[in-house]
Protein backbone atom coordinates (compact mmCIF):
# COMPACT_ATOMS: atom_id res chain seq x y z
CA UNK A 1 46.41 -13.81 14.20
CA UNK A 2 43.12 -15.62 13.66
CA UNK A 3 40.62 -14.33 11.06
CA UNK A 4 37.28 -13.58 12.74
CA UNK A 5 35.47 -13.70 9.41
CA UNK A 6 35.71 -17.50 9.32
CA UNK A 7 32.91 -17.77 11.84
CA UNK A 8 30.50 -15.39 10.08
CA UNK A 9 27.68 -17.01 8.20
CA UNK A 10 26.87 -15.17 5.02
CA UNK A 11 23.21 -15.29 4.18
CA UNK A 12 21.66 -13.93 1.03
CA UNK A 13 19.23 -11.03 1.39
CA UNK A 14 15.60 -12.05 1.63
CA UNK A 15 13.71 -12.26 -1.64
CA UNK A 16 11.49 -9.34 -2.46
CA UNK A 17 7.92 -10.21 -1.67
CA UNK A 18 5.14 -9.88 0.82
CA UNK A 19 4.62 -11.72 4.07
CA UNK A 20 2.72 -14.47 2.23
CA UNK A 21 5.36 -14.76 -0.50
CA UNK A 22 3.37 -13.01 -3.23
CA UNK A 23 4.64 -10.06 -5.20
CA UNK A 24 4.26 -6.72 -3.42
CA UNK A 25 1.45 -4.51 -4.72
CA UNK A 26 1.02 -0.73 -4.87
CA UNK A 27 -2.11 -0.20 -2.79
CA UNK A 28 -4.11 3.00 -2.38
CA UNK A 29 -6.27 2.99 0.76
CA UNK A 30 -9.15 5.46 0.70
CA UNK A 31 -10.80 5.80 4.12
CA UNK A 32 -12.20 8.90 5.84
CA UNK A 33 -11.79 7.50 9.36
CA UNK A 34 -8.24 8.55 10.38
CA UNK A 35 -7.73 5.57 12.71
CA UNK A 36 -9.01 3.12 10.11
CA UNK A 37 -6.81 4.65 7.41
CA UNK A 38 -3.71 4.59 9.61
CA UNK A 39 -4.33 1.02 10.73
CA UNK A 40 -4.92 -0.37 7.25
CA UNK A 41 -1.91 1.47 5.79
CA UNK A 42 0.32 0.15 8.58
CA UNK A 43 -0.98 -3.41 8.17
CA UNK A 44 -0.41 -3.41 4.42
CA UNK A 45 3.09 -2.01 4.86
CA UNK A 46 3.86 -4.73 7.41
CA UNK A 47 2.69 -7.29 4.84
CA UNK A 48 5.26 -5.88 2.39
CA UNK A 49 3.15 -3.69 0.13
CA UNK A 50 3.83 -0.13 -1.02
CA UNK A 51 0.94 1.94 0.31
CA UNK A 52 -0.52 5.42 -0.04
CA UNK A 53 -3.60 6.80 1.68
CA UNK A 54 -6.37 9.29 0.98
CA UNK A 55 -9.11 10.59 3.26
CA UNK A 56 -11.72 11.64 0.70
CA UNK A 57 -12.76 11.11 -2.90
CA UNK A 58 -10.93 14.09 -4.40
CA UNK A 59 -7.70 13.08 -2.64
CA UNK A 60 -8.22 9.54 -3.92
CA UNK A 61 -8.33 10.70 -7.54
CA UNK A 62 -5.24 12.88 -7.05
CA UNK A 63 -3.33 10.10 -5.26
CA UNK A 64 -4.29 7.57 -7.93
CA UNK A 65 -2.86 9.82 -10.64
CA UNK A 66 0.39 10.38 -8.73
CA UNK A 67 0.86 6.93 -7.13
CA UNK A 68 -0.49 4.71 -9.95
CA UNK A 69 -1.84 1.97 -7.66
CA UNK A 70 -2.44 -1.60 -8.73
CA UNK A 71 -5.10 -2.00 -6.04
CA UNK A 72 -7.51 0.53 -4.54
CA UNK A 73 -9.24 -0.27 -1.24
CA UNK A 74 -12.09 2.21 -1.41
CA UNK A 75 -14.44 3.22 1.39
CA UNK A 76 -17.94 3.86 0.05
CA UNK A 77 -19.07 6.51 2.55
CA UNK A 78 -16.63 9.32 1.83
CA UNK A 79 -16.97 13.09 2.12
CA UNK A 80 -16.76 15.26 -1.03
CA UNK A 81 -17.42 12.38 -3.46
CA UNK A 82 -18.49 8.91 -2.39
CA UNK A 83 -16.71 5.68 -3.23
CA UNK A 84 -19.09 4.88 -6.07
CA UNK A 85 -18.25 8.18 -7.77
CA UNK A 86 -14.53 7.61 -7.22
CA UNK A 87 -14.80 4.12 -8.75
CA UNK A 88 -16.72 5.50 -11.77
CA UNK A 89 -14.11 8.22 -12.25
CA UNK A 90 -11.24 5.70 -12.12
CA UNK A 91 -13.04 3.28 -14.47
CA UNK A 92 -13.52 6.07 -17.05
CA UNK A 93 -9.79 6.91 -17.08
CA UNK A 94 -7.76 4.63 -19.37
CA UNK A 95 -4.73 4.96 -17.06
CA UNK A 96 -6.61 2.86 -14.52
CA UNK A 97 -7.97 0.11 -16.78
CA UNK A 98 -6.06 -2.58 -14.94
CA UNK A 99 -6.57 -1.27 -11.38
CA UNK A 100 -8.27 -3.73 -9.02
CA UNK A 101 -10.85 -1.85 -6.95
CA UNK A 102 -12.24 -3.33 -3.73
CA UNK A 103 -15.09 -1.70 -1.82
CA UNK A 104 -14.63 -1.10 1.91
CA UNK A 105 -17.96 -0.83 3.69
CA UNK A 106 -19.87 -1.69 6.80
CA UNK A 107 -22.64 -3.14 4.63
CA UNK A 108 -22.23 -6.75 3.54
CA UNK A 109 -25.64 -8.07 2.51
CA UNK A 110 -26.07 -9.69 -0.90
CA UNK A 111 -27.77 -6.55 -2.25
CA UNK A 112 -24.81 -4.42 -1.12
CA UNK A 113 -22.38 -6.78 -2.82
CA UNK A 114 -24.44 -6.76 -6.01
CA UNK A 115 -24.50 -2.95 -6.01
CA UNK A 116 -20.71 -2.67 -5.72
CA UNK A 117 -20.24 -5.29 -8.45
CA UNK A 118 -22.67 -3.41 -10.71
CA UNK A 119 -20.73 -0.20 -10.04
CA UNK A 120 -17.47 -1.74 -11.32
CA UNK A 121 -15.83 -2.89 -8.10
CA UNK A 122 -13.80 -6.10 -8.37
CA UNK A 123 -14.31 -7.13 -4.74
CA UNK A 124 -16.32 -6.23 -1.65
CA UNK A 125 -14.74 -6.13 1.83
CA UNK A 126 -16.92 -5.66 4.90
CA UNK A 127 -15.53 -3.62 7.80
CA UNK A 128 -13.90 -4.40 10.03
CA UNK A 129 -11.77 -6.11 7.41
CA UNK A 130 -10.35 -9.42 8.55
CA UNK A 131 -6.79 -10.27 7.51
CA UNK A 132 -7.65 -13.46 5.56
CA UNK A 133 -10.26 -11.57 3.51
CA UNK A 134 -7.78 -8.77 2.81
CA UNK A 135 -5.08 -11.23 1.78
CA UNK A 136 -7.54 -13.06 -0.49
CA UNK A 137 -8.44 -9.81 -2.28
CA UNK A 138 -4.77 -8.93 -2.73
CA UNK A 139 -4.08 -12.42 -4.09
CA UNK A 140 -6.99 -12.06 -6.55
CA UNK A 141 -5.62 -8.72 -7.69
CA UNK A 142 -2.23 -10.29 -8.34
CA UNK A 143 -3.75 -13.15 -10.33
CA UNK A 144 -5.68 -10.75 -12.52
CA UNK A 145 -2.55 -8.70 -13.26
CA UNK A 146 -0.59 -11.85 -14.06
CA UNK A 147 -3.28 -12.88 -16.58
CA UNK A 148 -3.69 -9.54 -18.26
């Protein structure tokens, strides 16, 4: 009797990583628009990241404490507490010293970018977020963690 296993090709499991080959990140997406939140969470998961979502500022703080994200994509115009207040709260908590925070906003003028930088954001993404810009921010977050 012939052994059918001779014709099977054994391939190693794929290496752990994201679609672009970088290390997966724990990403918290904070967005009050349900469709925007769902879309961004799904996209990040497809890219190989571990993702949690929050729909307002209070949820964001609670999720950050439970999920311990490496990256927070933070909408500025949130109910309950806005993105600036969420960023300030995270920056004041030593548990989140190394968290990379990127603003998500419809405003992208130089003054808007300066305001988010002054508020402690590490990056500024203008909605609708384009995939190359998102990937660039995630790559920057990974480089910062590798350095520190």
